[in-house]
N, C-alpha and C. Protein backbone atom coordinates (compact mmCIF):
# COMPACT_ATOMS: atom_id res chain seq x y z
N MET A 1 30.88 -14.67 -66.76
CA MET A 1 31.71 -13.80 -66.01
C MET A 1 33.09 -13.49 -66.39
N GLN A 2 33.21 -12.56 -67.51
CA GLN A 2 34.71 -12.62 -67.52
C GLN A 2 35.31 -11.07 -67.36
N ILE A 3 36.75 -10.48 -66.81
CA ILE A 3 36.89 -9.54 -66.57
C ILE A 3 38.74 -8.98 -67.18
N THR A 4 38.24 -8.04 -67.05
CA THR A 4 39.72 -7.99 -68.09
C THR A 4 40.20 -6.68 -66.80
N VAL A 5 40.85 -6.72 -66.24
CA VAL A 5 41.95 -5.58 -65.54
C VAL A 5 43.46 -4.81 -66.21
N GLY A 6 43.10 -3.74 -66.20
CA GLY A 6 44.20 -2.84 -66.38
C GLY A 6 45.27 -2.20 -65.03
N ALA A 7 46.07 -1.00 -65.45
CA ALA A 7 45.83 0.20 -64.10
C ALA A 7 45.19 0.75 -63.47
N GLU A 8 44.58 0.97 -64.27
CA GLU A 8 43.40 2.88 -64.00
C GLU A 8 41.98 1.93 -64.08
N LEU A 9 41.89 1.47 -65.63
CA LEU A 9 40.35 0.49 -66.35
C LEU A 9 40.55 -0.78 -65.90
N ALA A 10 38.74 -1.10 -65.47
CA ALA A 10 38.41 -2.65 -65.55
C ALA A 10 37.23 -2.83 -66.19
N VAL A 11 37.46 -3.99 -66.91
CA VAL A 11 35.69 -4.05 -67.74
C VAL A 11 35.17 -5.27 -67.48
N SER A 12 34.50 -5.48 -66.75
CA SER A 12 33.34 -6.94 -66.81
C SER A 12 32.62 -7.19 -67.66
N SER A 13 32.13 -8.41 -68.13
CA SER A 13 30.92 -8.89 -69.20
C SER A 13 30.47 -10.23 -68.38
N ASN A 14 28.98 -9.82 -68.24
CA ASN A 14 28.46 -10.77 -67.78
C ASN A 14 26.87 -11.20 -67.86
N TYR A 15 26.02 -12.19 -67.84
CA TYR A 15 24.16 -12.44 -67.25
C TYR A 15 23.96 -11.92 -65.99
N GLU A 16 23.09 -11.21 -66.46
CA GLU A 16 22.10 -11.02 -64.40
C GLU A 16 20.62 -11.94 -65.22
N LYS A 17 20.62 -12.56 -64.01
CA LYS A 17 18.75 -12.73 -63.89
C LYS A 17 18.38 -12.88 -62.97
N GLY A 18 16.96 -12.14 -63.18
CA GLY A 18 16.14 -11.68 -62.79
C GLY A 18 14.60 -12.07 -62.53
N VAL A 19 14.31 -10.88 -61.37
CA VAL A 19 12.98 -11.35 -62.57
C VAL A 19 12.38 -9.50 -62.21
N HIS A 20 10.99 -9.41 -63.13
CA HIS A 20 11.10 -8.45 -62.83
C HIS A 20 9.11 -8.13 -62.87
N PRO A 21 8.95 -7.18 -61.56
CA PRO A 21 7.57 -6.90 -61.28
C PRO A 21 6.97 -5.99 -62.69
N GLY A 22 6.22 -6.91 -63.75
CA GLY A 22 5.68 -5.98 -64.58
C GLY A 22 3.89 -5.86 -63.81
N ALA A 23 3.43 -5.20 -65.34
CA ALA A 23 2.48 -4.00 -64.69
C ALA A 23 1.12 -4.63 -64.17
N ALA A 24 0.10 -5.25 -63.82
CA ALA A 24 -1.24 -6.09 -62.57
C ALA A 24 -1.01 -6.76 -62.61
N GLY A 25 0.97 -6.72 -61.87
CA GLY A 25 1.46 -8.32 -61.21
C GLY A 25 1.62 -9.41 -61.75
N ILE A 26 1.55 -9.22 -62.93
CA ILE A 26 2.68 -10.05 -63.52
C ILE A 26 4.08 -9.80 -63.90
N THR A 27 5.08 -10.92 -62.99
CA THR A 27 6.66 -11.35 -62.92
C THR A 27 6.75 -11.53 -63.54
N GLN A 28 7.83 -11.37 -64.71
CA GLN A 28 8.64 -11.73 -65.89
C GLN A 28 9.78 -12.57 -65.86
N ALA A 29 10.62 -13.00 -66.10
CA ALA A 29 11.82 -13.71 -65.60
C ALA A 29 12.34 -12.51 -66.79
N VAL A 30 13.42 -11.90 -66.39
CA VAL A 30 14.20 -11.85 -67.03
C VAL A 30 16.00 -12.02 -66.33
N LEU A 31 16.66 -11.96 -68.62
CA LEU A 31 18.54 -12.44 -68.55
C LEU A 31 18.24 -11.72 -69.53
N ILE A 32 19.52 -10.61 -69.23
CA ILE A 32 19.95 -10.12 -68.81
C ILE A 32 22.06 -9.90 -69.57
N ARG A 33 22.71 -9.54 -70.84
CA ARG A 33 23.29 -9.32 -70.04
C ARG A 33 24.40 -8.02 -70.32
N ALA A 34 25.43 -8.16 -69.44
CA ALA A 34 25.69 -6.44 -68.69
C ALA A 34 27.09 -6.47 -69.25
N THR A 35 27.14 -4.82 -69.11
CA THR A 35 29.03 -4.98 -69.19
C THR A 35 29.06 -3.51 -68.17
N ASN A 36 30.04 -3.26 -67.07
CA ASN A 36 30.45 -3.11 -65.98
C ASN A 36 32.09 -2.08 -66.25
N VAL A 37 32.43 -1.04 -66.08
CA VAL A 37 33.31 -0.71 -66.77
C VAL A 37 33.68 0.60 -65.15
N PHE A 38 34.95 -0.01 -64.89
CA PHE A 38 35.13 0.62 -63.85
C PHE A 38 36.53 1.42 -63.70
N ARG A 39 37.16 2.53 -62.24
CA ARG A 39 38.00 3.49 -62.71
C ARG A 39 38.65 2.89 -61.81
N LYS A 40 39.68 2.71 -61.65
CA LYS A 40 40.45 3.37 -60.35
C LYS A 40 41.27 4.62 -59.84
N GLU A 41 40.04 5.62 -58.54
CA GLU A 41 40.29 6.24 -57.96
C GLU A 41 40.70 6.41 -56.12
N ASN A 42 41.25 7.20 -55.92
CA ASN A 42 42.00 7.53 -55.43
C ASN A 42 41.78 5.48 -54.39
N GLY A 43 42.72 5.04 -55.11
CA GLY A 43 42.97 3.12 -54.67
C GLY A 43 41.39 2.87 -54.36
N ALA A 44 40.54 3.63 -54.57
CA ALA A 44 39.32 1.80 -55.16
C ALA A 44 38.82 2.54 -56.07
N TRP A 45 37.89 1.11 -56.47
CA TRP A 45 37.62 0.65 -57.96
C TRP A 45 36.43 1.32 -57.97
N GLU A 46 35.92 2.64 -58.98
CA GLU A 46 34.28 3.13 -58.99
C GLU A 46 33.62 2.94 -60.31
N MET A 47 32.75 2.25 -60.09
CA MET A 47 31.90 2.15 -61.39
C MET A 47 31.76 3.12 -62.35
N ILE A 48 32.21 3.30 -63.49
CA ILE A 48 31.17 5.14 -64.77
C ILE A 48 30.72 4.64 -65.26
N GLY A 49 30.55 3.19 -65.67
CA GLY A 49 29.64 2.54 -66.94
C GLY A 49 29.42 1.71 -66.62
N HIS A 50 27.13 1.68 -66.58
CA HIS A 50 27.16 0.26 -67.29
C HIS A 50 26.09 0.22 -68.29
N HIS A 51 26.06 -1.09 -68.76
CA HIS A 51 25.55 -1.02 -69.94
C HIS A 51 25.04 -2.32 -69.89
N ALA A 52 22.95 -2.78 -70.09
CA ALA A 52 22.94 -4.00 -70.39
C ALA A 52 21.46 -4.16 -71.19
N ASP A 53 20.94 -4.98 -71.90
CA ASP A 53 20.00 -6.11 -72.41
C ASP A 53 19.37 -6.90 -72.73
N LEU A 54 18.54 -6.66 -73.01
CA LEU A 54 18.11 -8.66 -72.80
C LEU A 54 18.44 -9.54 -74.18
N LEU A 55 18.82 -10.65 -73.51
CA LEU A 55 19.22 -11.16 -75.39
C LEU A 55 18.40 -11.34 -76.06
N PRO A 56 18.97 -11.61 -77.18
CA PRO A 56 18.21 -11.62 -78.83
C PRO A 56 16.88 -12.51 -78.20
N SER A 57 17.16 -13.89 -77.40
CA SER A 57 16.67 -14.97 -77.96
C SER A 57 15.06 -14.94 -77.19
N LEU A 58 15.47 -13.52 -75.62
CA LEU A 58 14.06 -12.72 -75.47
C LEU A 58 13.83 -11.89 -75.74
N VAL A 59 14.49 -11.35 -77.04
CA VAL A 59 13.57 -10.31 -77.36
C VAL A 59 12.15 -10.45 -78.24
N LYS A 60 10.83 -10.34 -78.32
CA LYS A 60 9.75 -10.43 -79.13
C LYS A 60 10.57 -10.20 -79.69
């Protein structure tokens, strides 16, 4: 995980690993890249953006 923090904005980049329940009860392992953007509002960090995509090696 990589985190960059400023006075009012922060960005985290990381990988998320899990299992996705697919059609017909077939599960598939999932490994994605994720980027989250946070803004400090009233002293608390609030997520204001999220993006995720499959790693290119998993795209068929």
